[in-house]
Amino acid sequence: MSFSIAGRTAIVTGAANGIGLAIARRFLDADANVVFADMDEGRLEAEVGDLAAREERARLFAGDLRQRLTQANLLSATIDAFDRVDILVNASRQVLHSDPLDARDESLETMLAQNLVAGLRLSQLVAARMIRQAEGAEDDGPSTAGAGAIVNLSSIAARVTRPELLGYSVACAALDQATRSLAVALAPHRIRVNAIAFGSVMSSSLKAVLRNDEAARQEIIARTPLGRIARPEEVAEAAQYLASDSACFVTGHVLTMDGGRSLLDPVALPSH
């Protein structure tokens, strides 16, 4: 299987660093048109500004995607550049620690807004565009060709218990359910919705945490049956599969990528 997405147009959020950047770069290498979207304009320009300047299939978009107007502007910019959108990857995410016993702790609200609501609203907006794109297509009956694909980034934190990650865990669990609900609602329109729930991936945030904490690194590795921390590029490979027609009969699925960690760990270390 080639997992081909050549010629398709993808929006990837959280594309200024870590996993989102790895996904966007992989999609571009796979000959897709890619809009690199992120809240951090400076970092986005630093990481891929030169690439976008020399590659006509790449565009940058900076803005607060928790805002509906910004989401609408992102979609408009994508259509202006490439005439359509076929793939959305919601990779913009944040991890905050919580105090589960402090009623003043607002991390739950923050995590829901960033890790659930922003991606859900953008998915709804992009899906509406995908539906309009497909309306003019000739109806030849059931087909393996999809009208679009949405991929969410989640975490095994949705299933394991870390009280200090209350807000993040709840947001991830809600995202998994939103993935399933959207998959059913959009199936008649041939739009697939899936998620990737990962454990420890060497993202920018985890790299910063482990830089001066070798004991934490070794503990993560010891609790992972495959004995290592994943690379962002491995998540990118899974995202490409779910976005491609090779996964044309896969929808509503939350793909676990954790090296087996959640099989053994009822109470796990936080994922980053």
C-alpha atoms as a PDB file:
ATOM      1  CA  MET A   1       0.000   0.000   0.000  1.00  0.00           C
ATOM      2  CA  SER A   2       1.270   3.455  -0.889  1.00  0.00           C
ATOM      3  CA  PHE A   3      -0.863   5.527   1.526  1.00  0.00           C
ATOM      4  CA  SER A   4      -0.918   8.077  -1.286  1.00  0.00           C
ATOM      5  CA  ILE A   5      -2.256  11.577  -0.593  1.00  0.00           C
ATOM      6  CA  ALA A   6      -0.604  13.148  -3.641  1.00  0.00           C
ATOM      7  CA  GLY A   7      -2.488  16.134  -5.021  1.00  0.00           C
ATOM      8  CA  ARG A   8      -4.753  16.486  -2.008  1.00  0.00           C
ATOM      9  CA  THR A   9      -4.954  19.543   0.176  1.00  0.00           C
ATOM     10  CA  ALA A  10      -4.390  19.232   3.907  1.00  0.00           C
ATOM     11  CA  ILE A  11      -4.699  21.618   6.823  1.00  0.00           C
ATOM     12  CA  VAL A  12      -2.469  20.668   9.753  1.00  0.00           C
ATOM     13  CA  THR A  13      -2.850  22.635  12.984  1.00  0.00           C
ATOM     14  CA  GLY A  14      -0.133  22.776  15.630  1.00  0.00           C
ATOM     15  CA  ALA A  15       2.325  22.684  12.734  1.00  0.00           C
ATOM     16  CA  ALA A  16       5.046  24.917  14.167  1.00  0.00           C
ATOM     17  CA  ASN A  17       6.712  22.192  16.233  1.00  0.00           C
ATOM     18  CA  GLY A  18       6.787  18.589  17.351  1.00  0.00           C
ATOM     19  CA  ILE A  19       4.210  16.135  16.103  1.00  0.00           C
ATOM     20  CA  GLY A  20       2.168  18.639  14.102  1.00  0.00           C
ATOM     21  CA  LEU A  21       5.271  19.813  12.270  1.00  0.00           C
ATOM     22  CA  ALA A  22       6.316  16.212  11.547  1.00  0.00           C
ATOM     23  CA  ILE A  23       2.869  15.461  10.103  1.00  0.00           C
ATOM     24  CA  ALA A  24       2.798  18.577   7.935  1.00  0.00           C
ATOM     25  CA  ARG A  25       6.305  17.905   6.612  1.00  0.00           C
ATOM     26  CA  ARG A  26       5.463  14.287   5.824  1.00  0.00           C
ATOM     27  CA  PHE A  27       2.310  15.282   3.966  1.00  0.00           C
ATOM     28  CA  LEU A  28       4.304  17.792   1.930  1.00  0.00           C
ATOM     29  CA  ASP A  29       6.906  15.119   1.140  1.00  0.00           C
ATOM     30  CA  ALA A  30       4.014  12.908   0.007  1.00  0.00           C
ATOM     31  CA  ASP A  31       3.127  15.527  -2.641  1.00  0.00           C
ATOM     32  CA  ALA A  32       0.096  16.974  -0.881  1.00  0.00           C
ATOM     33  CA  ASN A  33      -0.681  20.670  -0.674  1.00  0.00           C
ATOM     34  CA  VAL A  34      -0.239  21.623   2.984  1.00  0.00           C
ATOM     35  CA  VAL A  35      -1.320  24.587   5.076  1.00  0.00           C
ATOM     36  CA  PHE A  36       0.907  24.768   8.162  1.00  0.00           C
ATOM     37  CA  ALA A  37      -1.297  26.414  10.827  1.00  0.00           C
ATOM     38  CA  ASP A  38      -0.282  27.436  14.322  1.00  0.00           C
ATOM     39  CA  MET A  39      -0.889  30.067  17.004  1.00  0.00           C
ATOM     40  CA  ASP A  40       2.825  30.866  17.308  1.00  0.00           C
ATOM     41  CA  GLU A  41       3.613  32.996  14.258  1.00  0.00           C
ATOM     42  CA  GLY A  42       7.259  33.505  15.189  1.00  0.00           C
ATOM     43  CA  ARG A  43       7.999  29.834  15.630  1.00  0.00           C
ATOM     44  CA  LEU A  44       6.008  28.918  12.523  1.00  0.00           C
ATOM     45  CA  GLU A  45       8.051  31.331  10.432  1.00  0.00           C
ATOM     46  CA  ALA A  46      11.306  30.136  12.001  1.00  0.00           C
ATOM     47  CA  GLU A  47      10.573  26.454  11.401  1.00  0.00           C
ATOM     48  CA  VAL A  48       9.027  26.486   7.919  1.00  0.00           C
ATOM     49  CA  GLY A  49       9.183  30.033   6.593  1.00  0.00           C
ATOM     50  CA  ASP A  50      12.005  29.203   4.187  1.00  0.00           C
ATOM     51  CA  LEU A  51      10.227  26.038   3.098  1.00  0.00           C
ATOM     52  CA  ALA A  52       7.017  27.897   2.307  1.00  0.00           C
ATOM     53  CA  ALA A  53       8.954  30.540   0.408  1.00  0.00           C
ATOM     54  CA  ARG A  54      10.419  28.010  -2.014  1.00  0.00           C
ATOM     55  CA  GLU A  55       7.650  25.392  -2.126  1.00  0.00           C
ATOM     56  CA  GLU A  56       4.443  26.373  -3.897  1.00  0.00           C
ATOM     57  CA  ARG A  57       2.535  23.511  -2.256  1.00  0.00           C
ATOM     58  CA  ALA A  58       3.135  24.912   1.245  1.00  0.00           C
ATOM     59  CA  ARG A  59       1.390  27.825   2.961  1.00  0.00           C
ATOM     60  CA  LEU A  60       1.670  29.264   6.464  1.00  0.00           C
ATOM     61  CA  PHE A  61      -1.246  30.474   8.576  1.00  0.00           C
ATOM     62  CA  ALA A  62      -0.893  31.991  12.041  1.00  0.00           C
ATOM     63  CA  GLY A  63      -3.751  32.739  14.416  1.00  0.00           C
ATOM     64  CA  ASP A  64      -5.652  31.707  17.518  1.00  0.00           C
ATOM     65  CA  LEU A  65      -7.677  28.749  16.291  1.00  0.00           C
ATOM     66  CA  ARG A  66      -9.830  28.816  19.390  1.00  0.00           C
ATOM     67  CA  GLN A  67     -11.591  31.753  17.714  1.00  0.00           C
ATOM     68  CA  ARG A  68     -14.294  31.039  15.142  1.00  0.00           C
ATOM     69  CA  LEU A  69     -13.291  33.977  12.955  1.00  0.00           C
ATOM     70  CA  THR A  70      -9.711  32.710  12.818  1.00  0.00           C
ATOM     71  CA  GLN A  71     -10.960  29.273  11.816  1.00  0.00           C
ATOM     72  CA  ALA A  72     -13.043  30.786   9.021  1.00  0.00           C
ATOM     73  CA  ASN A  73     -10.019  32.774   7.855  1.00  0.00           C
ATOM     74  CA  LEU A  74      -7.903  29.613   7.840  1.00  0.00           C
ATOM     75  CA  LEU A  75     -10.400  27.815   5.643  1.00  0.00           C
ATOM     76  CA  SER A  76     -10.700  30.820   3.320  1.00  0.00           C
ATOM     77  CA  ALA A  77      -6.925  31.061   2.997  1.00  0.00           C
ATOM     78  CA  THR A  78      -6.748  27.353   2.146  1.00  0.00           C
ATOM     79  CA  ILE A  79      -9.427  27.626  -0.543  1.00  0.00           C
ATOM     80  CA  ASP A  80      -7.821  30.761  -1.974  1.00  0.00           C
ATOM     81  CA  ALA A  81      -4.497  28.954  -2.273  1.00  0.00           C
ATOM     82  CA  PHE A  82      -5.568  25.490  -3.407  1.00  0.00           C
ATOM     83  CA  ASP A  83      -9.306  25.667  -4.307  1.00  0.00           C
ATOM     84  CA  ARG A  84     -10.296  22.840  -1.963  1.00  0.00           C
ATOM     85  CA  VAL A  85      -9.572  20.992   1.262  1.00  0.00           C
ATOM     86  CA  ASP A  86      -9.447  17.196   1.536  1.00  0.00           C
ATOM     87  CA  ILE A  87      -7.700  16.475   4.852  1.00  0.00           C
ATOM     88  CA  LEU A  88      -7.741  18.082   8.279  1.00  0.00           C
ATOM     89  CA  VAL A  89      -5.326  17.080  11.027  1.00  0.00           C
ATOM     90  CA  ASN A  90      -6.123  18.571  14.426  1.00  0.00           C
ATOM     91  CA  ALA A  91      -2.648  18.427  15.964  1.00  0.00           C
ATOM     92  CA  SER A  92      -2.794  21.611  18.044  1.00  0.00           C
ATOM     93  CA  ARG A  93      -2.742  20.463  21.648  1.00  0.00           C
ATOM     94  CA  GLN A  94      -1.586  21.508  25.089  1.00  0.00           C
ATOM     95  CA  VAL A  95      -0.799  19.667  28.326  1.00  0.00           C
ATOM     96  CA  LEU A  96      -1.360  21.388  31.660  1.00  0.00           C
ATOM     97  CA  HIS A  97      -1.181  19.981  35.157  1.00  0.00           C
ATOM     98  CA  SER A  98      -4.279  20.263  37.342  1.00  0.00           C
ATOM     99  CA  ASP A  99      -5.090  20.397  41.005  1.00  0.00           C
ATOM    100  CA  PRO A 100      -8.136  18.111  41.141  1.00  0.00           C
ATOM    101  CA  LEU A 101      -9.107  19.367  44.598  1.00  0.00           C
ATOM    102  CA  ASP A 102      -8.881  23.097  43.888  1.00  0.00           C
ATOM    103  CA  ALA A 103     -12.223  24.570  42.776  1.00  0.00           C
ATOM    104  CA  ARG A 104     -10.359  27.641  41.499  1.00  0.00           C
ATOM    105  CA  ASP A 105      -8.197  25.597  39.123  1.00  0.00           C
ATOM    106  CA  GLU A 106      -9.230  26.517  35.583  1.00  0.00           C
ATOM    107  CA  SER A 107      -7.067  23.998  33.750  1.00  0.00           C
ATOM    108  CA  LEU A 108     -10.126  21.917  32.837  1.00  0.00           C
ATOM    109  CA  GLU A 109     -11.689  24.832  30.989  1.00  0.00           C
ATOM    110  CA  THR A 110      -8.391  25.595  29.283  1.00  0.00           C
ATOM    111  CA  MET A 111      -7.849  21.990  28.208  1.00  0.00           C
ATOM    112  CA  LEU A 112     -11.381  21.612  26.882  1.00  0.00           C
ATOM    113  CA  ALA A 113     -11.114  24.833  24.889  1.00  0.00           C
ATOM    114  CA  GLN A 114      -7.715  23.982  23.400  1.00  0.00           C
ATOM    115  CA  ASN A 115      -7.795  20.201  22.995  1.00  0.00           C
ATOM    116  CA  LEU A 116     -11.487  19.588  22.302  1.00  0.00           C
ATOM    117  CA  VAL A 117     -13.621  22.547  21.299  1.00  0.00           C
ATOM    118  CA  ALA A 118     -11.180  24.249  18.899  1.00  0.00           C
ATOM    119  CA  GLY A 119     -10.631  21.070  16.894  1.00  0.00           C
ATOM    120  CA  LEU A 120     -14.299  20.110  16.969  1.00  0.00           C
ATOM    121  CA  ARG A 121     -15.453  23.477  15.629  1.00  0.00           C
ATOM    122  CA  LEU A 122     -12.770  23.488  12.943  1.00  0.00           C
ATOM    123  CA  SER A 123     -13.753  19.946  11.956  1.00  0.00           C
ATOM    124  CA  GLN A 124     -17.382  20.997  11.582  1.00  0.00           C
ATOM    125  CA  LEU A 125     -16.392  23.983   9.439  1.00  0.00           C
ATOM    126  CA  VAL A 126     -14.037  22.003   7.205  1.00  0.00           C
ATOM    127  CA  ALA A 127     -16.496  19.103   6.899  1.00  0.00           C
ATOM    128  CA  ALA A 128     -19.151  21.494   5.604  1.00  0.00           C
ATOM    129  CA  ARG A 129     -16.734  22.554   2.878  1.00  0.00           C
ATOM    130  CA  MET A 130     -15.902  18.930   2.047  1.00  0.00           C
ATOM    131  CA  ILE A 131     -19.610  18.186   1.691  1.00  0.00           C
ATOM    132  CA  ARG A 132     -20.092  21.110  -0.708  1.00  0.00           C
ATOM    133  CA  GLN A 133     -17.107  19.950  -2.760  1.00  0.00           C
ATOM    134  CA  ALA A 134     -18.652  16.495  -3.127  1.00  0.00           C
ATOM    135  CA  GLU A 135     -22.156  17.702  -4.006  1.00  0.00           C
ATOM    136  CA  GLY A 136     -21.347  18.202  -7.652  1.00  0.00           C
ATOM    137  CA  ALA A 137     -19.666  14.835  -8.067  1.00  0.00           C
ATOM    138  CA  GLU A 138     -21.497  12.238 -10.122  1.00  0.00           C
ATOM    139  CA  ASP A 139     -23.228   9.654  -7.952  1.00  0.00           C
ATOM    140  CA  ASP A 140     -22.254   6.199  -9.124  1.00  0.00           C
ATOM    141  CA  GLY A 141     -23.358   4.436  -5.970  1.00  0.00           C
ATOM    142  CA  PRO A 142     -21.139   3.220  -3.120  1.00  0.00           C
ATOM    143  CA  SER A 143     -17.481   3.999  -3.695  1.00  0.00           C
ATOM    144  CA  THR A 144     -14.225   3.527  -1.871  1.00  0.00           C
ATOM    145  CA  ALA A 145     -13.249   7.098  -2.763  1.00  0.00           C
ATOM    146  CA  GLY A 146     -13.886   9.391   0.160  1.00  0.00           C
ATOM    147  CA  ALA A 147     -14.947  13.013   0.209  1.00  0.00           C
ATOM    148  CA  GLY A 148     -12.495  13.845   2.971  1.00  0.00           C
ATOM    149  CA  ALA A 149     -10.622  12.683   6.055  1.00  0.00           C
ATOM    150  CA  ILE A 150     -10.197  14.181   9.517  1.00  0.00           C
ATOM    151  CA  VAL A 151      -7.521  12.990  11.939  1.00  0.00           C
ATOM    152  CA  ASN A 152      -7.480  14.054  15.591  1.00  0.00           C
ATOM    153  CA  LEU A 153      -4.526  13.743  17.954  1.00  0.00           C
ATOM    154  CA  SER A 154      -5.526  12.281  21.313  1.00  0.00           C
ATOM    155  CA  SER A 155      -3.697  10.463  24.110  1.00  0.00           C
ATOM    156  CA  ILE A 156      -3.798   7.337  26.227  1.00  0.00           C
ATOM    157  CA  ALA A 157      -4.402   9.819  29.062  1.00  0.00           C
ATOM    158  CA  ALA A 158      -8.068   9.405  28.098  1.00  0.00           C
ATOM    159  CA  ARG A 159      -7.972   5.881  29.559  1.00  0.00           C
ATOM    160  CA  VAL A 160      -5.390   5.950  32.344  1.00  0.00           C
ATOM    161  CA  THR A 161      -5.645   7.763  35.659  1.00  0.00           C
ATOM    162  CA  ARG A 162      -3.365  10.641  36.607  1.00  0.00           C
ATOM    163  CA  PRO A 163      -5.215  13.065  38.908  1.00  0.00           C
ATOM    164  CA  GLU A 164      -2.675  15.803  38.201  1.00  0.00           C
ATOM    165  CA  LEU A 165      -3.705  15.583  34.531  1.00  0.00           C
ATOM    166  CA  LEU A 166      -7.417  15.780  35.226  1.00  0.00           C
ATOM    167  CA  GLY A 167      -8.188  18.497  32.685  1.00  0.00           C
ATOM    168  CA  TYR A 168      -6.030  16.989  29.948  1.00  0.00           C
ATOM    169  CA  SER A 169      -7.379  13.480  30.525  1.00  0.00           C
ATOM    170  CA  VAL A 170     -11.013  14.620  30.438  1.00  0.00           C
ATOM    171  CA  ALA A 171     -10.409  16.623  27.261  1.00  0.00           C
ATOM    172  CA  CYS A 172      -8.790  13.616  25.554  1.00  0.00           C
ATOM    173  CA  ALA A 173     -11.628  11.313  26.580  1.00  0.00           C
ATOM    174  CA  ALA A 174     -14.127  13.818  25.230  1.00  0.00           C
ATOM    175  CA  LEU A 175     -12.124  14.107  22.003  1.00  0.00           C
ATOM    176  CA  ASP A 176     -12.261  10.343  21.518  1.00  0.00           C
ATOM    177  CA  GLN A 177     -16.044  10.445  21.857  1.00  0.00           C
ATOM    178  CA  ALA A 178     -16.292  13.445  19.534  1.00  0.00           C
ATOM    179  CA  THR A 179     -14.245  11.473  16.988  1.00  0.00           C
ATOM    180  CA  ARG A 180     -16.719   8.602  17.095  1.00  0.00           C
ATOM    181  CA  SER A 181     -19.758  10.871  16.985  1.00  0.00           C
ATOM    182  CA  LEU A 182     -18.483  12.865  14.018  1.00  0.00           C
ATOM    183  CA  ALA A 183     -17.514   9.652  12.233  1.00  0.00           C
ATOM    184  CA  VAL A 184     -21.113   8.407  12.360  1.00  0.00           C
ATOM    185  CA  ALA A 185     -22.612  11.801  11.486  1.00  0.00           C
ATOM    186  CA  LEU A 186     -20.293  12.327   8.502  1.00  0.00           C
ATOM    187  CA  ALA A 187     -20.275   8.760   7.173  1.00  0.00           C
ATOM    188  CA  PRO A 188     -23.214   9.390   4.780  1.00  0.00           C
ATOM    189  CA  HIS A 189     -21.103  12.144   3.223  1.00  0.00           C
ATOM    190  CA  ARG A 190     -18.102   9.784   2.813  1.00  0.00           C
ATOM    191  CA  ILE A 191     -15.985  11.796   5.245  1.00  0.00           C
ATOM    192  CA  ARG A 192     -13.948   9.660   7.616  1.00  0.00           C
ATOM    193  CA  VAL A 193     -12.972  10.750  11.128  1.00  0.00           C
ATOM    194  CA  ASN A 194     -10.326   8.949  13.175  1.00  0.00           C
ATOM    195  CA  ALA A 195      -7.917   9.696  16.008  1.00  0.00           C
ATOM    196  CA  ILE A 196      -4.444   8.685  17.137  1.00  0.00           C
ATOM    197  CA  ALA A 197      -4.023   8.148  20.874  1.00  0.00           C
ATOM    198  CA  PHE A 198      -0.345   8.092  21.702  1.00  0.00           C
ATOM    199  CA  GLY A 199       1.732   7.530  24.765  1.00  0.00           C
ATOM    200  CA  SER A 200       5.195   9.032  25.074  1.00  0.00           C
ATOM    201  CA  VAL A 201       6.375  10.668  21.865  1.00  0.00           C
ATOM    202  CA  MET A 202       9.523  12.778  21.740  1.00  0.00           C
ATOM    203  CA  SER A 203       7.607  15.973  21.085  1.00  0.00           C
ATOM    204  CA  SER A 204       9.018  19.401  21.882  1.00  0.00           C
ATOM    205  CA  SER A 205       7.342  19.429  25.300  1.00  0.00           C
ATOM    206  CA  LEU A 206       8.532  15.965  26.322  1.00  0.00           C
ATOM    207  CA  LYS A 207      12.042  16.716  25.097  1.00  0.00           C
ATOM    208  CA  ALA A 208      12.108  19.777  27.358  1.00  0.00           C
ATOM    209  CA  VAL A 209      10.845  17.770  30.337  1.00  0.00           C
ATOM    210  CA  LEU A 210      13.412  15.005  29.891  1.00  0.00           C
ATOM    211  CA  ARG A 211      16.393  17.188  29.000  1.00  0.00           C
ATOM    212  CA  ASN A 212      17.680  17.199  32.587  1.00  0.00           C
ATOM    213  CA  ASP A 213      15.785  14.229  33.965  1.00  0.00           C
ATOM    214  CA  GLU A 214      17.352  10.964  32.848  1.00  0.00           C
ATOM    215  CA  ALA A 215      15.504   9.084  35.603  1.00  0.00           C
ATOM    216  CA  ALA A 216      12.141  10.097  34.119  1.00  0.00           C
ATOM    217  CA  ARG A 217      13.305   8.990  30.677  1.00  0.00           C
ATOM    218  CA  GLN A 218      14.332   5.594  31.961  1.00  0.00           C
ATOM    219  CA  GLU A 219      11.078   5.189  33.876  1.00  0.00           C
ATOM    220  CA  ILE A 220       9.029   5.846  30.728  1.00  0.00           C
ATOM    221  CA  ILE A 221      11.133   3.353  28.789  1.00  0.00           C
ATOM    222  CA  ALA A 222      10.826   0.760  31.560  1.00  0.00           C
ATOM    223  CA  ARG A 223       7.040   1.056  31.496  1.00  0.00           C
ATOM    224  CA  THR A 224       6.844   0.711  27.707  1.00  0.00           C
ATOM    225  CA  PRO A 225       6.963  -2.907  26.497  1.00  0.00           C
ATOM    226  CA  LEU A 226       8.672  -1.908  23.237  1.00  0.00           C
ATOM    227  CA  GLY A 227      11.361  -0.243  25.328  1.00  0.00           C
ATOM    228  CA  ARG A 228      11.650   3.199  23.778  1.00  0.00           C
ATOM    229  CA  ILE A 229      10.013   6.582  23.229  1.00  0.00           C
ATOM    230  CA  ALA A 230       8.359   7.106  19.842  1.00  0.00           C
ATOM    231  CA  ARG A 231       9.521   9.623  17.270  1.00  0.00           C
ATOM    232  CA  PRO A 232       7.099  12.286  15.953  1.00  0.00           C
ATOM    233  CA  GLU A 233       7.696  10.906  12.465  1.00  0.00           C
ATOM    234  CA  GLU A 234       6.073   7.629  13.512  1.00  0.00           C
ATOM    235  CA  VAL A 235       2.865   9.435  14.442  1.00  0.00           C
ATOM    236  CA  ALA A 236       3.092  11.238  11.094  1.00  0.00           C
ATOM    237  CA  GLU A 237       3.176   7.902   9.283  1.00  0.00           C
ATOM    238  CA  ALA A 238       0.015   6.795  11.070  1.00  0.00           C
ATOM    239  CA  ALA A 239      -1.671  10.105  10.248  1.00  0.00           C
ATOM    240  CA  GLN A 240      -0.845   9.667   6.567  1.00  0.00           C
ATOM    241  CA  TYR A 241      -2.341   6.184   6.593  1.00  0.00           C
ATOM    242  CA  LEU A 242      -5.579   7.406   8.179  1.00  0.00           C
ATOM    243  CA  ALA A 243      -5.768  10.309   5.719  1.00  0.00           C
ATOM    244  CA  SER A 244      -5.238   8.103   2.671  1.00  0.00           C
ATOM    245  CA  ASP A 245      -7.602   5.863   0.719  1.00  0.00           C
ATOM    246  CA  SER A 246      -5.691   2.889   2.120  1.00  0.00           C
ATOM    247  CA  ALA A 247      -7.860   3.503   5.203  1.00  0.00           C
ATOM    248  CA  CYS A 248     -11.015   3.995   3.138  1.00  0.00           C
ATOM    249  CA  PHE A 249     -13.035   1.597   5.348  1.00  0.00           C
ATOM    250  CA  VAL A 250     -11.678   2.909   8.656  1.00  0.00           C
ATOM    251  CA  THR A 251     -13.721   5.506  10.515  1.00  0.00           C
ATOM    252  CA  GLY A 252     -14.529   6.243  14.136  1.00  0.00           C
ATOM    253  CA  HIS A 253     -11.358   4.446  15.190  1.00  0.00           C
ATOM    254  CA  VAL A 254      -8.968   5.628  17.913  1.00  0.00           C
ATOM    255  CA  LEU A 255      -5.609   4.127  16.967  1.00  0.00           C
ATOM    256  CA  THR A 256      -3.377   3.507  19.987  1.00  0.00           C
ATOM    257  CA  MET A 257       0.327   4.216  19.476  1.00  0.00           C
ATOM    258  CA  ASP A 258       2.016   3.724  22.833  1.00  0.00           C
ATOM    259  CA  GLY A 259       4.472   0.856  22.444  1.00  0.00           C
ATOM    260  CA  GLY A 260       2.157  -1.317  24.548  1.00  0.00           C
ATOM    261  CA  ARG A 261       2.307   0.950  27.570  1.00  0.00           C
ATOM    262  CA  SER A 262      -1.420   1.135  28.270  1.00  0.00           C
ATOM    263  CA  LEU A 263      -1.593  -2.676  28.217  1.00  0.00           C
ATOM    264  CA  LEU A 264       0.467  -2.847  31.402  1.00  0.00           C
ATOM    265  CA  ASP A 265      -0.035   0.498  33.100  1.00  0.00           C
ATOM    266  CA  PRO A 266      -3.357   1.150  34.850  1.00  0.00           C
ATOM    267  CA  VAL A 267      -1.759   4.242  36.360  1.00  0.00           C
ATOM    268  CA  ALA A 268       0.680   5.662  33.831  1.00  0.00           C
ATOM    269  CA  LEU A 269       3.126   8.515  33.562  1.00  0.00           C
ATOM    270  CA  PRO A 270       1.728  11.596  31.805  1.00  0.00           C
ATOM    271  CA  SER A 271       1.976  11.544  28.033  1.00  0.00           C
ATOM    272  CA  HIS A 272       3.423  14.556  26.255  1.00  0.00           C
END
